Amino acid sequence: TRTHTHTELVYILEYNGYLLMVGIPLKEIVAYCTQPHSELQCNLELYVKSKGTPQFIAFYSPSSVEYTTKFLPSIMPDWQAVKLIAIGPSTTEALQKAGCPVVTTATRPSPEGILQAIQSCEETSK
């Protein structure tokens, strides 16, 4: 967890064509801390052992990319053949930075958007 005291938020306002800087004291509060599920790697290993490498993997956040790309190659040697779908632009960017080929990005950041992305990929590969 991070602890912060006061920082200063600076707004730049336009007033009659002039830019004004207004400093406002601000106390930052950490509302949540992103952590991977403690059994994610184990669950994926069990899935791959019982069902094989999946055709698709959907990533819902840049942090999921950061965490899972560390261990995916060890549990799925052929994971580069998996079609990767991102929920949105920041997740797409995280996948690209990790050297992962993104097949598509969902048009809407929702489960329905992911489903449409999968269906679109399947139609394209026919």
Protein backbone atom coordinates (compact mmCIF):
# COMPACT_ATOMS: atom_id res chain seq x y z
CA THR A 1 0.00 0.00 0.00
CA ARG A 2 1.08 3.53 -0.71
CA THR A 3 0.73 6.38 1.71
CA HIS A 4 0.69 9.96 0.58
CA THR A 5 0.38 13.19 2.44
CA HIS A 6 -0.64 16.31 0.61
CA THR A 7 0.08 16.85 -3.04
CA GLU A 8 -1.05 19.77 -5.09
CA LEU A 9 -3.51 19.52 -7.90
CA VAL A 10 -2.96 22.26 -10.43
CA TYR A 11 -5.77 23.26 -12.71
CA ILE A 12 -5.11 25.35 -15.76
CA LEU A 13 -8.17 27.42 -16.49
CA GLU A 14 -8.82 29.58 -19.46
CA TYR A 15 -10.40 32.92 -18.60
CA ASN A 16 -10.90 35.59 -21.24
CA GLY A 17 -8.09 34.14 -23.32
CA TYR A 18 -5.65 34.00 -20.39
CA LEU A 19 -4.41 30.81 -18.74
CA LEU A 20 -4.63 30.83 -14.97
CA MET A 21 -3.05 28.26 -12.66
CA VAL A 22 -5.00 27.47 -9.52
CA GLY A 23 -3.40 25.28 -6.84
CA ILE A 24 -5.77 23.19 -4.74
CA PRO A 25 -4.50 21.06 -1.81
CA LEU A 26 -5.34 17.41 -2.30
CA LYS A 27 -5.00 14.31 -0.15
CA GLU A 28 -4.64 11.13 -2.17
CA ILE A 29 -6.48 8.08 -0.89
CA VAL A 30 -5.76 4.64 -2.32
CA ALA A 31 -9.19 3.15 -3.00
CA TYR A 32 -7.99 -0.29 -4.09
CA CYS A 33 -4.88 -2.27 -4.83
CA THR A 34 -4.83 -4.60 -7.84
CA GLN A 35 -3.72 -8.11 -6.99
CA PRO A 36 -3.91 -11.28 -9.05
CA HIS A 37 -6.08 -14.14 -7.85
CA SER A 38 -3.90 -16.36 -5.69
CA GLU A 39 -4.89 -19.52 -7.62
CA LEU A 40 -4.95 -18.12 -11.17
CA GLN A 41 -1.76 -19.81 -12.34
CA CYS A 42 -2.76 -23.15 -10.76
CA ASN A 43 -6.27 -22.95 -12.26
CA LEU A 44 -4.87 -22.23 -15.73
CA GLU A 45 -2.42 -25.12 -15.42
CA LEU A 46 -5.28 -27.47 -14.50
CA TYR A 47 -7.36 -26.17 -17.40
CA VAL A 48 -4.57 -26.72 -19.92
CA LYS A 49 -3.83 -30.22 -18.58
CA SER A 50 -7.47 -31.28 -18.79
CA LYS A 51 -8.68 -29.44 -21.93
CA GLY A 52 -5.56 -28.36 -23.79
CA THR A 53 -4.50 -24.91 -24.93
CA PRO A 54 -7.49 -22.61 -25.37
CA GLN A 55 -8.29 -21.07 -28.73
CA PHE A 56 -8.82 -17.61 -27.18
CA ILE A 57 -7.67 -15.72 -24.10
CA ALA A 58 -9.39 -12.47 -23.19
CA PHE A 59 -7.51 -9.89 -21.17
CA TYR A 60 -9.58 -7.52 -19.07
CA SER A 61 -6.87 -5.15 -17.83
CA PRO A 62 -3.25 -4.14 -18.31
CA SER A 63 -2.46 -5.64 -14.89
CA SER A 64 -3.76 -9.04 -16.04
CA VAL A 65 -1.37 -8.83 -18.98
CA GLU A 66 1.52 -7.98 -16.68
CA TYR A 67 0.80 -10.88 -14.35
CA THR A 68 -0.15 -13.69 -16.72
CA THR A 69 2.43 -13.15 -19.44
CA LYS A 70 5.08 -13.99 -16.84
CA PHE A 71 3.88 -17.59 -16.51
CA LEU A 72 1.86 -18.38 -19.66
CA PRO A 73 4.88 -19.65 -21.63
CA SER A 74 5.73 -22.14 -18.88
CA ILE A 75 2.24 -23.70 -18.73
CA MET A 76 1.36 -23.33 -22.43
CA PRO A 77 4.42 -23.82 -24.63
CA ASP A 78 2.22 -23.11 -27.68
CA TRP A 79 0.55 -20.08 -26.12
CA GLN A 80 1.70 -17.82 -28.99
CA ALA A 81 -0.85 -19.67 -31.15
CA VAL A 82 -3.69 -18.54 -28.86
CA LYS A 83 -5.81 -15.68 -30.21
CA LEU A 84 -5.56 -12.80 -27.76
CA ILE A 85 -8.44 -10.41 -27.24
CA ALA A 86 -8.20 -7.16 -25.30
CA ILE A 87 -11.13 -5.48 -23.56
CA GLY A 88 -9.99 -2.01 -24.58
CA PRO A 89 -7.19 0.20 -25.92
CA SER A 90 -5.06 0.32 -22.75
CA THR A 91 -5.11 -3.49 -22.52
CA THR A 92 -4.24 -3.73 -26.23
CA GLU A 93 -1.30 -1.41 -25.61
CA ALA A 94 -0.14 -3.50 -22.62
CA LEU A 95 -0.28 -6.69 -24.72
CA GLN A 96 1.70 -5.05 -27.54
CA LYS A 97 4.32 -3.79 -25.07
CA ALA A 98 4.62 -7.35 -23.73
CA GLY A 99 5.30 -8.55 -27.29
CA CYS A 100 1.98 -10.34 -27.63
CA PRO A 101 0.10 -10.35 -30.93
CA VAL A 102 -3.40 -8.98 -30.31
CA VAL A 103 -5.99 -10.48 -32.62
CA THR A 104 -8.67 -7.93 -31.81
CA THR A 105 -9.89 -5.40 -29.29
CA ALA A 106 -13.46 -5.52 -28.07
CA THR A 107 -15.60 -2.69 -29.42
CA ARG A 108 -17.24 -2.35 -26.00
CA PRO A 109 -15.54 -3.02 -22.65
CA SER A 110 -18.02 -5.67 -21.54
CA PRO A 111 -18.52 -9.44 -21.62
CA GLU A 112 -20.80 -8.92 -24.62
CA GLY A 113 -18.04 -6.96 -26.36
CA ILE A 114 -15.60 -9.82 -25.75
CA LEU A 115 -18.15 -12.33 -27.11
CA GLN A 116 -18.62 -10.23 -30.25
CA ALA A 117 -14.83 -10.05 -30.67
CA ILE A 118 -14.57 -13.84 -30.45
CA GLN A 119 -17.43 -14.30 -32.92
CA SER A 120 -15.80 -11.81 -35.30
CA CYS A 121 -12.50 -13.73 -35.12
CA GLU A 122 -14.26 -17.02 -35.83
CA GLU A 123 -16.10 -15.56 -38.83
CA THR A 124 -12.85 -14.11 -40.20
CA SER A 125 -11.04 -17.46 -39.92
CA LYS A 126 -13.73 -19.35 -41.89
